[in-house]
Amino acid sequence: MAAYNFMRFHISRDASTRAPQAGAQFYHTILKSVDLEQEIANDRMENVNAWLKQEIHQYGGPLEPDELMRKVTGESFDPKYFVEYIKEKFSKIYF
């Protein structure tokens, strides 16, 4: 659920259909720095907001989406993160 909520609010600047996939990659990256599940459980988003401001929001305007992805995650867009998210989400529902 946290991944879904995180992805909903981080739509890529080009408004393409790749936005949810990019959100999954950003989500994977934030987990390295912030205990996102704990932040959400405690209804405390200060660390999440600080990470977003430092890593994404300050660069969102001047950088193209692919440049932002490389700066934030250290790699180009990779659909494997979205595939992992989809597998995890739907395996809990259907399997």
Protein backbone atom coordinates (compact mmCIF):
# COMPACT_ATOMS: atom_id res chain seq x y z
CA MET A 1 0.00 0.00 0.00
CA ALA A 2 2.79 2.45 0.79
CA ALA A 3 4.30 1.96 -2.66
CA TYR A 4 0.98 2.79 -4.28
CA ASN A 5 0.54 5.93 -2.19
CA PHE A 6 4.09 7.03 -2.89
CA MET A 7 3.69 6.50 -6.62
CA ARG A 8 0.38 8.37 -6.80
CA PHE A 9 2.01 11.64 -5.80
CA HIS A 10 5.10 11.53 -7.98
CA ILE A 11 3.88 11.86 -11.51
CA SER A 12 6.60 12.49 -14.02
CA ARG A 13 6.79 15.92 -15.59
CA ASP A 14 6.04 14.59 -19.07
CA ALA A 15 2.75 13.09 -17.78
CA SER A 16 3.42 9.95 -19.75
CA THR A 17 2.12 6.52 -18.91
CA ARG A 18 5.56 5.79 -17.48
CA ALA A 19 4.81 7.80 -14.33
CA PRO A 20 3.70 4.86 -12.12
CA GLN A 21 6.68 2.84 -13.29
CA ALA A 22 9.02 5.70 -12.40
CA GLY A 23 7.32 6.00 -9.01
CA ALA A 24 8.15 2.37 -8.29
CA GLN A 25 11.82 3.05 -8.98
CA PHE A 26 11.78 6.14 -6.74
CA TYR A 27 10.04 4.09 -4.05
CA HIS A 28 12.78 1.45 -4.23
CA THR A 29 15.37 4.20 -3.81
CA ILE A 30 13.73 5.99 -0.88
CA LEU A 31 13.60 2.71 1.05
CA LYS A 32 17.40 2.81 1.21
CA SER A 33 17.26 6.05 3.22
CA VAL A 34 13.89 6.23 4.97
CA ASP A 35 11.82 3.65 6.83
CA LEU A 36 8.80 4.54 4.78
CA GLU A 37 6.46 1.94 6.27
CA GLN A 38 7.25 3.17 9.80
CA GLU A 39 6.80 6.81 8.78
CA ILE A 40 3.36 6.04 7.35
CA ALA A 41 2.37 3.86 10.31
CA ASN A 42 3.27 6.69 12.72
CA ASP A 43 1.58 9.29 10.51
CA ARG A 44 4.88 11.17 10.41
CA MET A 45 6.06 12.18 6.98
CA GLU A 46 8.83 14.63 7.87
CA ASN A 47 11.64 12.32 6.73
CA VAL A 48 9.78 11.41 3.57
CA ASN A 49 9.10 15.05 2.74
CA ALA A 50 12.72 16.00 3.45
CA TRP A 51 13.95 13.21 1.15
CA LEU A 52 11.54 14.23 -1.60
CA LYS A 53 12.58 17.87 -1.34
CA GLN A 54 16.28 17.04 -1.35
CA GLU A 55 16.25 14.32 -4.00
CA ILE A 56 13.36 15.14 -6.33
CA HIS A 57 11.48 18.40 -5.87
CA GLN A 58 14.43 20.76 -6.09
CA TYR A 59 15.40 19.27 -9.47
CA GLY A 60 11.97 18.56 -10.92
CA GLY A 61 11.81 21.70 -13.05
CA PRO A 62 15.25 22.06 -14.59
CA LEU A 63 15.90 18.36 -15.24
CA GLU A 64 14.30 16.19 -17.87
CA PRO A 65 12.58 13.07 -16.47
CA ASP A 66 15.38 10.71 -17.52
CA GLU A 67 18.03 13.01 -16.03
CA LEU A 68 16.07 13.18 -12.77
CA MET A 69 15.77 9.40 -12.68
CA ARG A 70 19.53 8.96 -13.07
CA LYS A 71 20.28 11.63 -10.46
CA VAL A 72 17.90 10.20 -7.86
CA THR A 73 18.30 6.46 -8.40
CA GLY A 74 21.76 6.24 -9.97
CA GLU A 75 20.40 4.44 -13.01
CA SER A 76 18.22 5.01 -16.03
CA PHE A 77 14.58 4.05 -15.97
CA ASP A 78 14.25 0.30 -15.41
CA PRO A 79 10.81 -1.35 -15.55
CA LYS A 80 11.93 -4.17 -13.25
CA TYR A 81 10.94 -2.09 -10.20
CA PHE A 82 7.38 -1.71 -11.45
CA VAL A 83 7.20 -5.40 -12.36
CA GLU A 84 8.33 -6.30 -8.81
CA TYR A 85 5.68 -3.98 -7.37
CA ILE A 86 2.93 -5.46 -9.55
CA LYS A 87 3.95 -9.04 -8.73
CA GLU A 88 3.96 -8.30 -5.00
CA LYS A 89 0.64 -6.49 -5.10
CA PHE A 90 -1.27 -9.01 -7.17
CA SER A 91 0.26 -12.14 -5.69
CA LYS A 92 -1.30 -11.14 -2.37
CA ILE A 93 -4.68 -10.84 -4.02
CA TYR A 94 -4.74 -13.75 -6.44
CA PHE A 95 -2.36 -16.36 -5.04
